[in-house]
């Protein structure tokens, strides 16, 4: 109930004298409805650690995911996002997201594509701004308006 699952039911035949101050009771109910809840999960494996943590309530979503290898070859990756749901039904959420990735492979060659651009999949940082929209069956549609890639050199 504290994170958005509480509901209030009224009946036509119910007495109005149940609560002496209904506005105060409604304010207290809405305050409980907006409390943050915390979620954490972690997976330890022989080649690394995968995990996720999230603070969320009915309006805000703050979360982070990670994949941490025990060695540079296995790589390190983290993704952090902050978003706020809009509207009564909360299908639309603008967000800011930061993604950092590093992996050191055995071969230190820089690969280039057809246009001469250097591939940064093993060492980069990306800042994104966009919107998530929740479709039927809880499918998320993501549209990014701004994406800034920061190249990290050794």
C-alpha atoms as a PDB file:
ATOM      1  CA  UNK A   1       0.000   0.000   0.000  1.00  0.00           C
ATOM      2  CA  UNK A   2       2.861   2.380   0.797  1.00  0.00           C
ATOM      3  CA  UNK A   3       4.114   2.291  -2.805  1.00  0.00           C
ATOM      4  CA  UNK A   4       0.914   2.766  -4.772  1.00  0.00           C
ATOM      5  CA  UNK A   5      -1.217  -0.348  -4.352  1.00  0.00           C
ATOM      6  CA  UNK A   6      -3.722   1.044  -1.805  1.00  0.00           C
ATOM      7  CA  UNK A   7      -7.315   1.760  -2.808  1.00  0.00           C
ATOM      8  CA  UNK A   8     -10.285   3.365  -1.070  1.00  0.00           C
ATOM      9  CA  UNK A   9     -13.789   1.951  -1.508  1.00  0.00           C
ATOM     10  CA  UNK A  10     -16.992   3.710  -0.530  1.00  0.00           C
ATOM     11  CA  UNK A  11     -20.551   2.473  -0.608  1.00  0.00           C
ATOM     12  CA  UNK A  12     -23.761   4.432  -0.984  1.00  0.00           C
ATOM     13  CA  UNK A  13     -25.125   2.947   2.208  1.00  0.00           C
ATOM     14  CA  UNK A  14     -22.014   3.757   4.299  1.00  0.00           C
ATOM     15  CA  UNK A  15     -22.273   6.278   7.080  1.00  0.00           C
ATOM     16  CA  UNK A  16     -20.587   9.668   6.661  1.00  0.00           C
ATOM     17  CA  UNK A  17     -19.638   9.751  10.354  1.00  0.00           C
ATOM     18  CA  UNK A  18     -16.891   7.096  10.028  1.00  0.00           C
ATOM     19  CA  UNK A  19     -14.170   9.717   9.793  1.00  0.00           C
ATOM     20  CA  UNK A  20     -14.381  13.071  11.578  1.00  0.00           C
ATOM     21  CA  UNK A  21     -11.936  14.813   9.229  1.00  0.00           C
ATOM     22  CA  UNK A  22     -12.057  13.264   5.736  1.00  0.00           C
ATOM     23  CA  UNK A  23      -9.648  15.810   4.153  1.00  0.00           C
ATOM     24  CA  UNK A  24      -6.937  15.002   6.710  1.00  0.00           C
ATOM     25  CA  UNK A  25      -7.479  11.272   6.182  1.00  0.00           C
ATOM     26  CA  UNK A  26      -7.214  11.695   2.400  1.00  0.00           C
ATOM     27  CA  UNK A  27      -3.988  13.726   2.735  1.00  0.00           C
ATOM     28  CA  UNK A  28      -2.513  10.999   4.983  1.00  0.00           C
ATOM     29  CA  UNK A  29      -3.529   8.308   2.482  1.00  0.00           C
ATOM     30  CA  UNK A  30      -1.909  10.192  -0.427  1.00  0.00           C
ATOM     31  CA  UNK A  31       1.292  10.718   1.608  1.00  0.00           C
ATOM     32  CA  UNK A  32       1.522   6.958   2.241  1.00  0.00           C
ATOM     33  CA  UNK A  33       0.861   6.297  -1.432  1.00  0.00           C
ATOM     34  CA  UNK A  34       3.925   8.314  -2.481  1.00  0.00           C
ATOM     35  CA  UNK A  35       6.522   6.665  -0.218  1.00  0.00           C
ATOM     36  CA  UNK A  36       9.576   5.212  -1.942  1.00  0.00           C
ATOM     37  CA  UNK A  37      10.184   1.480  -1.968  1.00  0.00           C
ATOM     38  CA  UNK A  38      13.520  -0.223  -2.468  1.00  0.00           C
ATOM     39  CA  UNK A  39      14.374  -3.277  -4.553  1.00  0.00           C
ATOM     40  CA  UNK A  40      17.762  -5.004  -4.832  1.00  0.00           C
ATOM     41  CA  UNK A  41      18.916  -8.172  -6.536  1.00  0.00           C
ATOM     42  CA  UNK A  42      22.377  -9.545  -7.103  1.00  0.00           C
ATOM     43  CA  UNK A  43      23.836 -12.570  -8.849  1.00  0.00           C
ATOM     44  CA  UNK A  44      27.320 -13.850  -8.115  1.00  0.00           C
ATOM     45  CA  UNK A  45      28.834 -16.041 -10.817  1.00  0.00           C
ATOM     46  CA  UNK A  46      32.239 -17.512 -11.590  1.00  0.00           C
ATOM     47  CA  UNK A  47      33.036 -14.769 -14.129  1.00  0.00           C
ATOM     48  CA  UNK A  48      31.447 -11.739 -12.455  1.00  0.00           C
ATOM     49  CA  UNK A  49      28.612 -10.062 -10.628  1.00  0.00           C
ATOM     50  CA  UNK A  50      25.279  -8.905 -12.096  1.00  0.00           C
ATOM     51  CA  UNK A  51      22.852  -6.805 -10.135  1.00  0.00           C
ATOM     52  CA  UNK A  52      20.124  -4.212 -10.044  1.00  0.00           C
ATOM     53  CA  UNK A  53      18.784  -1.756  -7.507  1.00  0.00           C
ATOM     54  CA  UNK A  54      15.790   0.544  -7.703  1.00  0.00           C
ATOM     55  CA  UNK A  55      14.046   3.228  -5.662  1.00  0.00           C
ATOM     56  CA  UNK A  56      10.524   3.811  -6.943  1.00  0.00           C
ATOM     57  CA  UNK A  57       7.145   5.214  -6.008  1.00  0.00           C
ATOM     58  CA  UNK A  58       4.028   6.143  -7.945  1.00  0.00           C
ATOM     59  CA  UNK A  59       5.814   9.056  -9.692  1.00  0.00           C
ATOM     60  CA  UNK A  60       9.609   8.552  -9.609  1.00  0.00           C
ATOM     61  CA  UNK A  61      11.845   5.735 -10.821  1.00  0.00           C
ATOM     62  CA  UNK A  62      15.548   5.766  -9.912  1.00  0.00           C
ATOM     63  CA  UNK A  63      17.534   2.677 -10.740  1.00  0.00           C
ATOM     64  CA  UNK A  64      20.876   1.190 -11.635  1.00  0.00           C
ATOM     65  CA  UNK A  65      22.030  -2.065 -13.225  1.00  0.00           C
ATOM     66  CA  UNK A  66      25.549  -3.438 -13.337  1.00  0.00           C
ATOM     67  CA  UNK A  67      27.635  -6.221 -14.769  1.00  0.00           C
ATOM     68  CA  UNK A  68      31.062  -6.407 -13.141  1.00  0.00           C
ATOM     69  CA  UNK A  69      33.646  -8.914 -14.254  1.00  0.00           C
ATOM     70  CA  UNK A  70      36.374 -10.083 -11.942  1.00  0.00           C
ATOM     71  CA  UNK A  71      39.013  -9.206 -14.571  1.00  0.00           C
ATOM     72  CA  UNK A  72      39.363  -6.488 -17.235  1.00  0.00           C
ATOM     73  CA  UNK A  73      38.766  -9.105 -19.928  1.00  0.00           C
ATOM     74  CA  UNK A  74      35.280  -9.825 -18.543  1.00  0.00           C
ATOM     75  CA  UNK A  75      34.487  -6.106 -18.512  1.00  0.00           C
ATOM     76  CA  UNK A  76      32.587  -3.656 -16.360  1.00  0.00           C
ATOM     77  CA  UNK A  77      29.275  -2.048 -17.243  1.00  0.00           C
ATOM     78  CA  UNK A  78      26.785   0.106 -15.378  1.00  0.00           C
ATOM     79  CA  UNK A  79      23.568   1.847 -16.411  1.00  0.00           C
ATOM     80  CA  UNK A  80      21.813   4.405 -14.207  1.00  0.00           C
ATOM     81  CA  UNK A  81      18.495   6.100 -14.990  1.00  0.00           C
ATOM     82  CA  UNK A  82      16.197   8.643 -13.368  1.00  0.00           C
ATOM     83  CA  UNK A  83      12.661   9.194 -14.639  1.00  0.00           C
ATOM     84  CA  UNK A  84       9.302  10.636 -13.601  1.00  0.00           C
ATOM     85  CA  UNK A  85       5.914   9.270 -14.634  1.00  0.00           C
ATOM     86  CA  UNK A  86       3.468  11.866 -15.993  1.00  0.00           C
ATOM     87  CA  UNK A  87      -0.294  11.918 -16.055  1.00  0.00           C
ATOM     88  CA  UNK A  88      -2.969  10.117 -14.109  1.00  0.00           C
ATOM     89  CA  UNK A  89      -2.422   6.728 -15.749  1.00  0.00           C
ATOM     90  CA  UNK A  90       1.404   7.033 -15.679  1.00  0.00           C
ATOM     91  CA  UNK A  91       2.149   5.556 -19.086  1.00  0.00           C
ATOM     92  CA  UNK A  92       4.605   8.307 -20.099  1.00  0.00           C
ATOM     93  CA  UNK A  93       7.986   8.757 -18.372  1.00  0.00           C
ATOM     94  CA  UNK A  94      10.698  11.246 -19.429  1.00  0.00           C
ATOM     95  CA  UNK A  95      14.127   9.999 -18.303  1.00  0.00           C
ATOM     96  CA  UNK A  96      17.832  10.755 -18.095  1.00  0.00           C
ATOM     97  CA  UNK A  97      20.166   7.786 -18.436  1.00  0.00           C
ATOM     98  CA  UNK A  98      23.925   7.296 -18.089  1.00  0.00           C
ATOM     99  CA  UNK A  99      25.646   4.174 -19.415  1.00  0.00           C
ATOM    100  CA  UNK A 100      29.347   3.363 -18.861  1.00  0.00           C
ATOM    101  CA  UNK A 101      31.165   0.364 -20.310  1.00  0.00           C
ATOM    102  CA  UNK A 102      34.756  -0.887 -20.203  1.00  0.00           C
ATOM    103  CA  UNK A 103      36.297  -4.127 -21.406  1.00  0.00           C
ATOM    104  CA  UNK A 104      39.920  -4.938 -22.165  1.00  0.00           C
ATOM    105  CA  UNK A 105      40.281  -7.633 -24.753  1.00  0.00           C
ATOM    106  CA  UNK A 106      43.526  -9.452 -25.523  1.00  0.00           C
ATOM    107  CA  UNK A 107      43.996  -7.644 -28.849  1.00  0.00           C
ATOM    108  CA  UNK A 108      44.481  -3.872 -28.550  1.00  0.00           C
ATOM    109  CA  UNK A 109      43.460  -2.980 -32.086  1.00  0.00           C
ATOM    110  CA  UNK A 110      40.947  -0.239 -32.814  1.00  0.00           C
ATOM    111  CA  UNK A 111      38.330  -1.404 -35.273  1.00  0.00           C
ATOM    112  CA  UNK A 112      36.906   1.074 -37.764  1.00  0.00           C
ATOM    113  CA  UNK A 113      33.732   0.845 -39.778  1.00  0.00           C
ATOM    114  CA  UNK A 114      33.156   1.638 -43.455  1.00  0.00           C
ATOM    115  CA  UNK A 115      32.933   5.387 -42.703  1.00  0.00           C
ATOM    116  CA  UNK A 116      36.207   5.483 -40.740  1.00  0.00           C
ATOM    117  CA  UNK A 117      34.542   5.752 -37.338  1.00  0.00           C
ATOM    118  CA  UNK A 118      36.243   4.026 -34.415  1.00  0.00           C
ATOM    119  CA  UNK A 119      34.220   1.356 -32.643  1.00  0.00           C
ATOM    120  CA  UNK A 120      33.869   2.294 -28.954  1.00  0.00           C
ATOM    121  CA  UNK A 121      31.875  -0.694 -27.742  1.00  0.00           C
ATOM    122  CA  UNK A 122      34.679  -1.730 -25.356  1.00  0.00           C
ATOM    123  CA  UNK A 123      35.321   1.672 -23.752  1.00  0.00           C
ATOM    124  CA  UNK A 124      32.667   4.408 -23.682  1.00  0.00           C
ATOM    125  CA  UNK A 125      30.278   6.518 -21.655  1.00  0.00           C
ATOM    126  CA  UNK A 126      26.846   7.586 -22.969  1.00  0.00           C
ATOM    127  CA  UNK A 127      24.391  10.164 -21.626  1.00  0.00           C
ATOM    128  CA  UNK A 128      20.827   9.863 -22.984  1.00  0.00           C
ATOM    129  CA  UNK A 129      17.645  11.909 -22.571  1.00  0.00           C
ATOM    130  CA  UNK A 130      14.355  10.486 -23.763  1.00  0.00           C
ATOM    131  CA  UNK A 131      10.862   9.211 -23.077  1.00  0.00           C
ATOM    132  CA  UNK A 132       9.486   5.775 -22.204  1.00  0.00           C
ATOM    133  CA  UNK A 133       5.875   4.979 -23.085  1.00  0.00           C
ATOM    134  CA  UNK A 134       4.228   1.842 -21.740  1.00  0.00           C
ATOM    135  CA  UNK A 135       2.184   0.023 -24.386  1.00  0.00           C
ATOM    136  CA  UNK A 136      -0.427  -2.703 -23.803  1.00  0.00           C
ATOM    137  CA  UNK A 137       0.923  -5.907 -22.223  1.00  0.00           C
ATOM    138  CA  UNK A 138       3.498  -3.684 -20.418  1.00  0.00           C
ATOM    139  CA  UNK A 139       5.776  -3.364 -23.462  1.00  0.00           C
ATOM    140  CA  UNK A 140       7.976  -0.275 -23.142  1.00  0.00           C
ATOM    141  CA  UNK A 141       8.554   1.962 -26.158  1.00  0.00           C
ATOM    142  CA  UNK A 142      11.691   4.126 -25.761  1.00  0.00           C
ATOM    143  CA  UNK A 143      12.449   7.262 -27.768  1.00  0.00           C
ATOM    144  CA  UNK A 144      15.767   9.058 -27.226  1.00  0.00           C
ATOM    145  CA  UNK A 145      15.957  12.765 -28.039  1.00  0.00           C
ATOM    146  CA  UNK A 146      19.573  13.371 -27.077  1.00  0.00           C
ATOM    147  CA  UNK A 147      22.476  10.976 -26.940  1.00  0.00           C
ATOM    148  CA  UNK A 148      25.964  12.158 -26.083  1.00  0.00           C
ATOM    149  CA  UNK A 149      28.792   9.645 -26.354  1.00  0.00           C
ATOM    150  CA  UNK A 150      31.930  10.382 -24.383  1.00  0.00           C
ATOM    151  CA  UNK A 151      34.979   8.537 -25.651  1.00  0.00           C
ATOM    152  CA  UNK A 152      37.361   7.287 -23.024  1.00  0.00           C
ATOM    153  CA  UNK A 153      40.929   6.693 -24.066  1.00  0.00           C
ATOM    154  CA  UNK A 154      43.570   4.785 -22.134  1.00  0.00           C
END
